[in-house]
Structure formats: structure tokens, C-alpha cells
C-alpha atoms as a PDB file:
ATOM      1  CA  MET A   1      -0.080   0.045   0.138  1.00  0.00           C
ATOM      2  CA  ARG A   2       1.255   3.477  -0.840  1.00  0.00           C
ATOM      3  CA  ARG A   3       1.732   5.718   1.952  1.00  0.00           C
ATOM      4  CA  THR A   4      -0.608   8.115   0.745  1.00  0.00           C
ATOM      5  CA  GLU A   5      -3.257   5.281   0.505  1.00  0.00           C
ATOM      6  CA  VAL A   6      -2.355   4.286   4.110  1.00  0.00           C
ATOM      7  CA  PHE A   7      -3.210   7.943   4.785  1.00  0.00           C
ATOM      8  CA  ASP A   8      -6.660   7.851   2.869  1.00  0.00           C
ATOM      9  CA  GLU A   9      -7.518   4.449   4.291  1.00  0.00           C
ATOM     10  CA  GLN A  10      -6.802   5.547   7.850  1.00  0.00           C
ATOM     11  CA  VAL A  11      -9.065   8.608   7.536  1.00  0.00           C
ATOM     12  CA  LYS A  12     -11.904   6.498   6.124  1.00  0.00           C
ATOM     13  CA  GLN A  13     -11.347   4.058   9.136  1.00  0.00           C
ATOM     14  CA  SER A  14     -11.204   6.656  11.613  1.00  0.00           C
ATOM     15  CA  LEU A  15     -14.360   8.214  10.521  1.00  0.00           C
ATOM     16  CA  ASN A  16     -15.814   4.648  10.693  1.00  0.00           C
ATOM     17  CA  ARG A  17     -14.567   4.146  14.320  1.00  0.00           C
ATOM     18  CA  LYS A  18     -16.158   7.747  15.256  1.00  0.00           C
ATOM     19  CA  ALA A  19     -19.412   6.658  13.487  1.00  0.00           C
ATOM     20  CA  GLU A  20     -19.810   3.687  15.785  1.00  0.00           C
ATOM     21  CA  GLU A  21     -20.904   6.262  18.352  1.00  0.00           C
ATOM     22  CA  ILE A  22     -23.851   7.631  16.053  1.00  0.00           C
ATOM     23  CA  GLU A  23     -27.183   5.891  15.799  1.00  0.00           C
ATOM     24  CA  ILE A  24     -28.770   6.234  12.410  1.00  0.00           C
ATOM     25  CA  SER A  25     -32.054   4.548  10.962  1.00  0.00           C
ATOM     26  CA  GLU A  26     -31.938   1.862   8.518  1.00  0.00           C
ATOM     27  CA  VAL A  27     -34.116   3.702   6.161  1.00  0.00           C
ATOM     28  CA  LEU A  28     -31.891   6.765   6.209  1.00  0.00           C
ATOM     29  CA  PHE A  29     -28.790   4.732   6.003  1.00  0.00           C
ATOM     30  CA  GLN A  30     -30.054   2.984   2.913  1.00  0.00           C
ATOM     31  CA  LYS A  31     -31.067   6.274   1.270  1.00  0.00           C
ATOM     32  CA  ILE A  32     -27.598   7.763   2.053  1.00  0.00           C
ATOM     33  CA  LYS A  33     -25.865   4.765   0.851  1.00  0.00           C
ATOM     34  CA  ALA A  34     -27.847   4.593  -2.479  1.00  0.00           C
ATOM     35  CA  GLN A  35     -27.136   8.315  -3.059  1.00  0.00           C
ATOM     36  CA  VAL A  36     -23.274   7.922  -2.553  1.00  0.00           C
ATOM     37  CA  ILE A  37     -23.167   4.855  -4.879  1.00  0.00           C
ATOM     38  CA  GLN A  38     -24.799   6.689  -7.530  1.00  0.00           C
ATOM     39  CA  LYS A  39     -22.666   9.774  -7.200  1.00  0.00           C
ATOM     40  CA  GLU A  40     -19.682   7.612  -7.343  1.00  0.00           C
ATOM     41  CA  GLU A  41     -20.898   5.953 -10.572  1.00  0.00           C
ATOM     42  CA  GLU A  42     -21.601   9.340 -12.164  1.00  0.00           C
ATOM     43  CA  ASN A  43     -18.042  10.558 -11.294  1.00  0.00           C
ATOM     44  CA  LYS A  44     -16.668   7.306 -12.885  1.00  0.00           C
ATOM     45  CA  MET A  45     -18.681   8.076 -15.871  1.00  0.00           C
ATOM     46  CA  GLY A  46     -17.398  11.700 -15.890  1.00  0.00           C
ATOM     47  CA  GLY A  47     -13.933  10.582 -16.030  1.00  0.00           C
ATOM     48  CA  PHE A  48     -13.017  11.746 -12.773  1.00  0.00           C
ATOM     49  CA  PHE A  49     -11.240   8.523 -12.007  1.00  0.00           C
ATOM     50  CA  LYS A  50      -8.858   8.895 -14.950  1.00  0.00           C
ATOM     51  CA  ASN A  51      -5.872   8.829 -12.599  1.00  0.00           C
ATOM     52  CA  ARG A  52      -4.416   7.305  -9.418  1.00  0.00           C
ATOM     53  CA  LYS A  53      -5.156  10.572  -7.550  1.00  0.00           C
ATOM     54  CA  MET A  54      -8.891  10.525  -8.506  1.00  0.00           C
ATOM     55  CA  LYS A  55      -9.133   6.740  -7.281  1.00  0.00           C
ATOM     56  CA  LYS A  56      -8.421   7.856  -3.827  1.00  0.00           C
ATOM     57  CA  MET A  57     -11.676   9.777  -3.349  1.00  0.00           C
ATOM     58  CA  ILE A  58     -13.290   8.602   0.000  1.00  0.00           C
ATOM     59  CA  MET A  59     -16.909   8.587   0.249  1.00  0.00           C
ATOM     60  CA  VAL A  60     -18.526   9.284   3.546  1.00  0.00           C
ATOM     61  CA  GLY A  61     -22.019   9.852   4.660  1.00  0.00           C
ATOM     62  CA  ALA A  62     -24.008  11.605   7.702  1.00  0.00           C
ATOM     63  CA  ALA A  63     -25.687  14.784   8.717  1.00  0.00           C
ATOM     64  CA  SER A  64     -22.440  16.661   9.268  1.00  0.00           C
ATOM     65  CA  LEU A  65     -18.809  16.197  10.330  1.00  0.00           C
ATOM     66  CA  LEU A  66     -19.954  16.353  14.013  1.00  0.00           C
ATOM     67  CA  SER A  67     -21.856  12.997  13.475  1.00  0.00           C
ATOM     68  CA  ILE A  68     -20.285  11.387  10.664  1.00  0.00           C
ATOM     69  CA  THR A  69     -21.494   7.807   9.593  1.00  0.00           C
ATOM     70  CA  CYS A  70     -19.288   6.218   7.103  1.00  0.00           C
ATOM     71  CA  ILE A  71     -21.340   4.052   4.749  1.00  0.00           C
ATOM     72  CA  ALA A  72     -19.154   4.509   1.584  1.00  0.00           C
ATOM     73  CA  ALA A  73     -17.671   2.737  -1.249  1.00  0.00           C
ATOM     74  CA  PRO A  74     -14.153   1.333  -0.598  1.00  0.00           C
ATOM     75  CA  ILE A  75     -10.929   3.216  -1.587  1.00  0.00           C
ATOM     76  CA  ILE A  76      -9.489   1.738  -4.816  1.00  0.00           C
ATOM     77  CA  LEU A  77      -5.781   1.028  -4.493  1.00  0.00           C
ATOM     78  CA  PRO A  78      -3.278   0.148  -7.372  1.00  0.00           C
ATOM     79  CA  ALA A  79      -2.475  -3.235  -6.107  1.00  0.00           C
ATOM     80  CA  LEU A  80      -5.879  -4.166  -4.692  1.00  0.00           C
ATOM     81  CA  ASN A  81      -9.404  -3.283  -5.828  1.00  0.00           C
ATOM     82  CA  SER A  82     -10.887  -2.415  -2.271  1.00  0.00           C
ATOM     83  CA  TRP A  83     -10.247  -2.363   1.560  1.00  0.00           C
ATOM     84  CA  GLU A  84     -13.035  -3.493   3.744  1.00  0.00           C
ATOM     85  CA  SER A  85     -13.258  -2.627   7.538  1.00  0.00           C
ATOM     86  CA  HIS A  86     -15.566  -4.234   9.997  1.00  0.00           C
ATOM     87  CA  GLY A  87     -15.810  -2.911  13.643  1.00  0.00           C
ATOM     88  CA  ARG A  88     -15.762  -5.370  16.367  1.00  0.00           C
ATOM     89  CA  THR A  89     -15.297  -4.404  20.074  1.00  0.00           C
ATOM     90  CA  SER A  90     -15.320  -1.000  21.652  1.00  0.00           C
ATOM     91  CA  PHE A  91     -13.487   0.106  24.980  1.00  0.00           C
ATOM     92  CA  GLU A  92     -14.941   2.954  26.866  1.00  0.00           C
ATOM     93  CA  SER A  93     -12.176   2.775  29.533  1.00  0.00           C
ATOM     94  CA  PHE A  94      -8.516   2.318  28.989  1.00  0.00           C
ATOM     95  CA  PRO A  95      -7.878  -1.204  27.930  1.00  0.00           C
ATOM     96  CA  THR A  96      -5.252  -3.528  29.460  1.00  0.00           C
ATOM     97  CA  LEU A  97      -2.652  -5.393  27.398  1.00  0.00           C
ATOM     98  CA  ALA A  98      -4.424  -8.629  28.079  1.00  0.00           C
ATOM     99  CA  GLN A  99      -7.698  -7.000  26.768  1.00  0.00           C
ATOM    100  CA  VAL A 100      -6.024  -5.826  23.647  1.00  0.00           C
ATOM    101  CA  GLN A 101      -4.213  -9.204  23.057  1.00  0.00           C
ATOM    102  CA  LYS A 102      -7.546 -11.149  23.585  1.00  0.00           C
ATOM    103  CA  GLU A 103      -9.221  -8.838  20.942  1.00  0.00           C
ATOM    104  CA  VAL A 104      -6.396  -8.480  18.256  1.00  0.00           C
ATOM    105  CA  ASP A 105      -3.903 -11.219  18.844  1.00  0.00           C
ATOM    106  CA  TYR A 106      -1.038  -8.773  19.308  1.00  0.00           C
ATOM    107  CA  THR A 107      -0.032  -5.967  21.619  1.00  0.00           C
ATOM    108  CA  PRO A 108       0.918  -2.633  20.344  1.00  0.00           C
ATOM    109  CA  LYS A 109       2.438   0.265  22.039  1.00  0.00           C
ATOM    110  CA  TYR A 110      -0.232   2.673  23.252  1.00  0.00           C
ATOM    111  CA  ILE A 111      -0.525   5.284  26.323  1.00  0.00           C
ATOM    112  CA  ASP A 112      -3.295   6.571  28.199  1.00  0.00           C
ATOM    113  CA  GLU A 113      -2.332  10.374  27.647  1.00  0.00           C
ATOM    114  CA  LEU A 114      -0.477  12.170  24.632  1.00  0.00           C
ATOM    115  CA  PRO A 115       1.883  15.094  25.107  1.00  0.00           C
ATOM    116  CA  GLY A 116      -0.148  18.455  24.871  1.00  0.00           C
ATOM    117  CA  GLY A 117      -2.909  17.315  27.239  1.00  0.00           C
ATOM    118  CA  PHE A 118      -4.757  14.800  25.016  1.00  0.00           C
ATOM    119  CA  VAL A 119      -6.211  12.159  27.034  1.00  0.00           C
ATOM    120  CA  PHE A 120      -7.566   8.556  26.176  1.00  0.00           C
ATOM    121  CA  LYS A 121     -11.241   8.873  25.301  1.00  0.00           C
ATOM    122  CA  ARG A 122     -11.947   5.396  23.841  1.00  0.00           C
ATOM    123  CA  ALA A 123     -10.948   2.557  21.518  1.00  0.00           C
ATOM    124  CA  SER A 124     -12.257   0.061  19.001  1.00  0.00           C
ATOM    125  CA  THR A 125     -10.896  -2.945  17.350  1.00  0.00           C
ATOM    126  CA  GLU A 126     -11.522  -3.900  13.665  1.00  0.00           C
ATOM    127  CA  ASN A 127     -11.060  -6.577  11.165  1.00  0.00           C
ATOM    128  CA  ILE A 128      -9.873  -5.284   7.559  1.00  0.00           C
ATOM    129  CA  GLU A 129      -9.621  -7.277   4.099  1.00  0.00           C
ATOM    130  CA  GLY A 130      -7.989  -6.216   0.928  1.00  0.00           C
ATOM    131  CA  LYS A 131      -9.622  -7.625  -2.011  1.00  0.00           C
ATOM    132  CA  ASP A 132      -8.588  -7.934  -5.864  1.00  0.00           C
ATOM    133  CA  ALA A 133     -10.814  -7.006  -8.776  1.00  0.00           C
ATOM    134  CA  ASP A 134     -12.393 -10.425  -8.547  1.00  0.00           C
ATOM    135  CA  GLU A 135     -13.404  -9.845  -4.950  1.00  0.00           C
ATOM    136  CA  ASN A 136     -10.922 -12.297  -3.751  1.00  0.00           C
ATOM    137  CA  THR A 137      -9.373 -11.481  -0.233  1.00  0.00           C
ATOM    138  CA  VAL A 138      -5.578 -10.965  -0.654  1.00  0.00           C
ATOM    139  CA  VAL A 139      -4.737  -9.913   2.696  1.00  0.00           C
ATOM    140  CA  LYS A 140      -6.257  -9.845   6.268  1.00  0.00           C
ATOM    141  CA  ALA A 141      -5.368  -7.947   9.324  1.00  0.00           C
ATOM    142  CA  LYS A 142      -6.663  -7.019  12.624  1.00  0.00           C
ATOM    143  CA  GLY A 143      -6.340  -3.570  14.176  1.00  0.00           C
ATOM    144  CA  ILE A 144      -7.026  -1.396  17.199  1.00  0.00           C
ATOM    145  CA  SER A 145      -7.534   2.336  17.210  1.00  0.00           C
ATOM    146  CA  PHE A 146      -7.039   4.636  20.241  1.00  0.00           C
ATOM    147  CA  PHE A 147      -9.019   7.924  20.356  1.00  0.00           C
ATOM    148  CA  TYR A 148      -7.795  10.956  22.256  1.00  0.00           C
ATOM    149  CA  GLU A 149      -9.292  14.414  23.251  1.00  0.00           C
ATOM    150  CA  PRO A 150      -8.093  17.371  25.043  1.00  0.00           C
ATOM    151  CA  ILE A 151      -8.993  17.448  28.920  1.00  0.00           C
ATOM    152  CA  GLU A 152     -11.744  20.117  28.157  1.00  0.00           C
ATOM    153  CA  GLY A 153     -13.231  17.861  25.345  1.00  0.00           C
ATOM    154  CA  SER A 154     -13.879  18.506  21.677  1.00  0.00           C
ATOM    155  CA  LYS A 155     -16.375  17.989  18.801  1.00  0.00           C
ATOM    156  CA  GLY A 156     -16.042  17.518  15.266  1.00  0.00           C
ATOM    157  CA  ARG A 157     -12.141  16.780  15.349  1.00  0.00           C
ATOM    158  CA  ILE A 158     -10.404  13.530  15.678  1.00  0.00           C
ATOM    159  CA  LEU A 159      -6.807  12.760  17.156  1.00  0.00           C
ATOM    160  CA  SER A 160      -6.166   8.830  17.029  1.00  0.00           C
ATOM    161  CA  LEU A 161      -3.513   6.267  17.349  1.00  0.00           C
ATOM    162  CA  ASP A 162      -4.293   3.507  14.878  1.00  0.00           C
ATOM    163  CA  THR A 163      -2.445   0.281  14.880  1.00  0.00           C
ATOM    164  CA  LYS A 164      -2.599  -2.806  12.416  1.00  0.00           C
ATOM    165  CA  GLN A 165      -0.622  -5.976  12.327  1.00  0.00           C
ATOM    166  CA  LEU A 166       0.278  -5.368   8.600  1.00  0.00           C
ATOM    167  CA  ALA A 167       3.412  -6.180   7.149  1.00  0.00           C
ATOM    168  CA  GLU A 168       5.971  -3.410   6.100  1.00  0.00           C
ATOM    169  CA  GLU A 169       5.459  -4.026   2.214  1.00  0.00           C
ATOM    170  CA  TRP A 170       2.176  -2.180   2.526  1.00  0.00           C
ATOM    171  CA  MET A 171       3.777   1.018   3.179  1.00  0.00           C
ATOM    172  CA  ASN A 172       6.883   0.885   1.179  1.00  0.00           C
ATOM    173  CA  SER A 173       6.714   3.664  -1.163  1.00  0.00           C
ATOM    174  CA  GLY A 174       4.718   7.055  -1.651  1.00  0.00           C
ATOM    175  CA  GLU A 175       4.999  10.625  -1.493  1.00  0.00           C
ATOM    176  CA  ALA A 176       5.089  11.288   2.159  1.00  0.00           C
ATOM    177  CA  GLU A 177       7.949  13.162   3.947  1.00  0.00           C
ATOM    178  CA  GLU A 178      10.465  10.749   5.662  1.00  0.00           C
ATOM    179  CA  ILE A 179      11.784  11.933   8.967  1.00  0.00           C
ATOM    180  CA  GLY A 180      14.217  10.341  11.184  1.00  0.00           C
ATOM    181  CA  LEU A 181      13.717   9.944  14.919  1.00  0.00           C
ATOM    182  CA  ASP A 182      16.797   8.406  16.420  1.00  0.00           C
ATOM    183  CA  ASP A 183      16.683   4.854  15.121  1.00  0.00           C
ATOM    184  CA  LEU A 184      12.972   5.214  13.941  1.00  0.00           C
ATOM    185  CA  LYS A 185      11.836   6.108  10.327  1.00  0.00           C
ATOM    186  CA  VAL A 186       8.483   7.891  10.259  1.00  0.00           C
ATOM    187  CA  TYR A 187       6.599   9.231   7.286  1.00  0.00           C
ATOM    188  CA  TYR A 188       4.635  12.475   7.406  1.00  0.00           C
ATOM    189  CA  GLU A 189       1.771  13.662   5.180  1.00  0.00           C
ATOM    190  CA  ALA A 190      -0.591  16.679   5.333  1.00  0.00           C
ATOM    191  CA  ARG A 191      -3.806  16.755   3.282  1.00  0.00           C
ATOM    192  CA  THR A 192      -6.967  18.851   2.862  1.00  0.00           C
ATOM    193  CA  MET A 193     -10.215  17.030   2.995  1.00  0.00           C
ATOM    194  CA  LYS A 194     -13.423  18.620   1.528  1.00  0.00           C
ATOM    195  CA  PHE A 195     -16.448  17.163   2.833  1.00  0.00           C
ATOM    196  CA  VAL A 196     -19.591  17.845   0.477  1.00  0.00           C
ATOM    197  CA  PRO A 197     -23.131  16.826   0.173  1.00  0.00           C
ATOM    198  CA  VAL A 198     -24.110  13.800  -1.903  1.00  0.00           C
ATOM    199  CA  ASP A 199     -25.528  16.090  -4.768  1.00  0.00           C
ATOM    200  CA  TYR A 200     -22.673  18.381  -4.779  1.00  0.00           C
ATOM    201  CA  GLU A 201     -21.295  19.074  -8.424  1.00  0.00           C
ATOM    202  CA  LEU A 202     -17.441  19.448  -8.577  1.00  0.00           C
ATOM    203  CA  THR A 203     -16.316  22.887  -9.719  1.00  0.00           C
ATOM    204  CA  GLU A 204     -13.457  23.340 -12.077  1.00  0.00           C
ATOM    205  CA  GLN A 205     -11.508  24.464  -9.396  1.00  0.00           C
ATOM    206  CA  ASP A 206     -12.291  21.238  -7.473  1.00  0.00           C
ATOM    207  CA  LYS A 207     -11.099  19.253 -10.186  1.00  0.00           C
ATOM    208  CA  GLN A 208      -7.911  21.057 -10.822  1.00  0.00           C
ATOM    209  CA  ASP A 209      -7.080  20.602  -7.247  1.00  0.00           C
ATOM    210  CA  GLN A 210      -7.853  16.939  -7.262  1.00  0.00           C
ATOM    211  CA  GLU A 211      -5.655  16.483 -10.380  1.00  0.00           C
ATOM    212  CA  ALA A 212      -2.758  18.330  -8.695  1.00  0.00           C
ATOM    213  CA  GLY A 213      -3.248  16.331  -5.520  1.00  0.00           C
ATOM    214  CA  LYS A 214      -4.032  19.347  -3.416  1.00  0.00           C
ATOM    215  CA  ILE A 215      -7.382  18.047  -2.000  1.00  0.00           C
ATOM    216  CA  ASP A 216      -9.512  14.984  -1.564  1.00  0.00           C
ATOM    217  CA  ILE A 217     -13.223  15.138  -2.073  1.00  0.00           C
ATOM    218  CA  SER A 218     -15.571  13.272   0.320  1.00  0.00           C
ATOM    219  CA  TYR A 219     -19.346  12.779  -0.118  1.00  0.00           C
ATOM    220  CA  GLY A 220     -22.073  12.754   2.473  1.00  0.00           C
ATOM    221  CA  THR A 221     -22.110  15.638   4.842  1.00  0.00           C
ATOM    222  CA  ASP A 222     -24.936  18.196   4.664  1.00  0.00           C
ATOM    223  CA  THR A 223     -22.793  21.246   4.314  1.00  0.00           C
ATOM    224  CA  ILE A 224     -19.442  21.829   2.684  1.00  0.00           C
ATOM    225  CA  GLN A 225     -16.566  21.666   5.174  1.00  0.00           C
ATOM    226  CA  VAL A 226     -12.892  21.765   4.579  1.00  0.00           C
ATOM    227  CA  ILE A 227     -10.704  20.124   7.222  1.00  0.00           C
ATOM    228  CA  ASN A 228      -6.792  19.854   7.427  1.00  0.00           C
ATOM    229  CA  THR A 229      -5.621  16.597   7.839  1.00  0.00           C
ATOM    230  CA  GLN A 230      -2.208  15.150   8.760  1.00  0.00           C
ATOM    231  CA  ALA A 231      -0.777  11.892   9.678  1.00  0.00           C
ATOM    232  CA  ILE A 232       2.623  10.348  10.697  1.00  0.00           C
ATOM    233  CA  THR A 233       2.964   6.623   9.999  1.00  0.00           C
ATOM    234  CA  TRP A 234       5.695   4.294  11.092  1.00  0.00           C
ATOM    235  CA  TYR A 235       6.527   0.427  11.279  1.00  0.00           C
ATOM    236  CA  GLU A 236       7.726  -1.329  14.231  1.00  0.00           C
ATOM    237  CA  GLU A 237       8.004  -5.186  15.101  1.00  0.00           C
ATOM    238  CA  GLY A 238       5.216  -6.363  12.632  1.00  0.00           C
ATOM    239  CA  ILE A 239       2.798  -3.595  13.469  1.00  0.00           C
ATOM    240  CA  THR A 240       2.011  -0.363  11.333  1.00  0.00           C
ATOM    241  CA  TYR A 241       1.173   2.718  13.400  1.00  0.00           C
ATOM    242  CA  THR A 242      -0.569   5.847  12.264  1.00  0.00           C
ATOM    243  CA  LEU A 243      -1.183   8.999  14.380  1.00  0.00           C
ATOM    244  CA  LEU A 244      -3.975  10.837  12.694  1.00  0.00           C
ATOM    245  CA  ASP A 245      -5.003  14.524  13.284  1.00  0.00           C
ATOM    246  CA  MET A 246      -8.164  15.735  11.749  1.00  0.00           C
ATOM    247  CA  GLY A 247      -9.131  19.219  12.429  1.00  0.00           C
ATOM    248  CA  TYR A 248      -6.892  20.021  15.528  1.00  0.00           C
ATOM    249  CA  GLU A 249      -4.050  21.472  13.199  1.00  0.00           C
ATOM    250  CA  LEU A 250      -1.317  20.516  15.600  1.00  0.00           C
ATOM    251  CA  ASP A 251       2.228  21.513  14.843  1.00  0.00           C
ATOM    252  CA  LYS A 252       4.340  18.892  13.266  1.00  0.00           C
ATOM    253  CA  GLU A 253       6.836  19.145  16.153  1.00  0.00           C
ATOM    254  CA  GLN A 254       4.053  18.231  18.612  1.00  0.00           C
ATOM    255  CA  LEU A 255       2.806  15.320  16.405  1.00  0.00           C
ATOM    256  CA  LEU A 256       6.429  14.166  16.482  1.00  0.00           C
ATOM    257  CA  GLU A 257       6.563  14.409  20.155  1.00  0.00           C
ATOM    258  CA  MET A 258       3.526  12.315  20.408  1.00  0.00           C
ATOM    259  CA  VAL A 259       5.094   9.544  18.280  1.00  0.00           C
ATOM    260  CA  GLU A 260       8.202   9.652  20.413  1.00  0.00           C
ATOM    261  CA  ALA A 261       6.063   9.167  23.554  1.00  0.00           C
ATOM    262  CA  VAL A 262       4.413   6.071  21.955  1.00  0.00           C
ATOM    263  CA  TYR A 263       7.631   4.705  20.640  1.00  0.00           C
ATOM    264  CA  ALA A 264       9.305   4.979  24.045  1.00  0.00           C
ATOM    265  CA  VAL A 265       6.781   2.642  25.585  1.00  0.00           C
ATOM    266  CA  GLU A 266       8.538  -0.707  26.716  1.00  0.00           C
END
């Protein structure tokens, strides 16, 4: 998986994890789902998926970013046709190593508080599958995501530490900035996400920005919202880690400090 695609997939899965907190009626769910699929097909017919950057469009559905429910089509990757994520168990209190091991069969590094006053809020596990064009499962993995919030609380923004038992080969290329932290290599990427209603028509500027890789368009919100997103990804002992910031717009140095705090866990 290209690092930029790891980034896109992590955004989608983090939205999925947040969506577990939201209840939505089956009728509304199916209505939004149908609209999103229709919109995706229209975009394909319109030639918006002509290159790899266009294939990275993430579809999300809900009333607003404050209550996102991700019901979308999978992200399309060069090597695989789709990734599917299925949520499993949620932890409302800080889980023990034994609890994590029982759920995902591995024990990642994680902490209850990140530098800058961000404290553990909740965690959730998932199963993910990568499939080829014939819908054959090529790779399977388990993961657990830890969500953090400032002590005073926050809405509509995400700070998460996401871990998956994926081989390093899935993040061996890409356009992210490589940074050395002592003996650890990490990869930083910042992106702009534009969330739009299902019936939103792309402007010429949208198309140009997508073509240039400046922005990713995601369908499903009831208003147009632009969110700056950044992530740092690294690999350690069979586990892929991603620290994801959606909307907090933290300094890169602060994110690196958080990474160092996680990496220092024995």
C-alpha cells in the first residue's frame, strides 16, 4: 500500500470508528448509501477516476462532520481493488494489554495520555480485508484504534493512534516526507479534505485541485466543510502505526513528540 493510500484508508477507518458512536435509522442509512453509490458511478462516467489521485476519493455519509456515519464505497488502490473494514469491540475505559491481546492477537504500543494534554477517550477494534478486482481476499489484518481528546473535550475533530498488524510491504512507497527520529523512520503527510453533500457538483477548481493532489473530495455531509488533515505513519516489529490529526491542526513538532512518547513505551 502506498503511504498516501495508507493515509486515505486511515482517515476512512477513523471516521468509521467515530461513526460507531452515532445511531442512524436503517431507512436513512440505505437512502444515503444509494445516493453515494449513484454519485460515485456518475463521477466514474464523468472521467473523474482517470488517474491514481482520482481513485483515492473517499466517500462518507452523515448529517455533518459532527456526526459522521461512514457508509461508503471502498477506496481503490493500485495493487488491490478495495479495502473493507468491519468494527468489532469498543472500549470506553483504557484497555489492559491482556484485553487488547485477546481482541486483536497482538499487543501494540499505546498510552493513556499524549503530550499536549490529550487524554484517552475510547478505543475500538476492527478486522480489515484487502480484495482484488475479482473480490478475492488478498490480505487480512486486525487492528485497534485509540482516540484522544483534550481534557476540556472537543467535537468534530479527531486525534487517533491507529495500529494494524500489517507487513511493512504495505507502506514501502509513496510521496510522504520521511523523517528520522533516532533509530526510527516515520513518514509525515498533510492533506486537505473537502466534505460535501451527496448532490454536490464538482467545480472546475475542485477538479484542478484533485488533479494536482491538493485536496480529496468526500461525499455525504449536509454542508461543505474543509478540514486540514495530517498523519505520521511508522512500522515497528510487525505493526503499522498511524497518528492521525483531523481538524486540530497541531504543529508537526507536537505530533512528532507524540510519536516519540508512543515509541518510548517498553
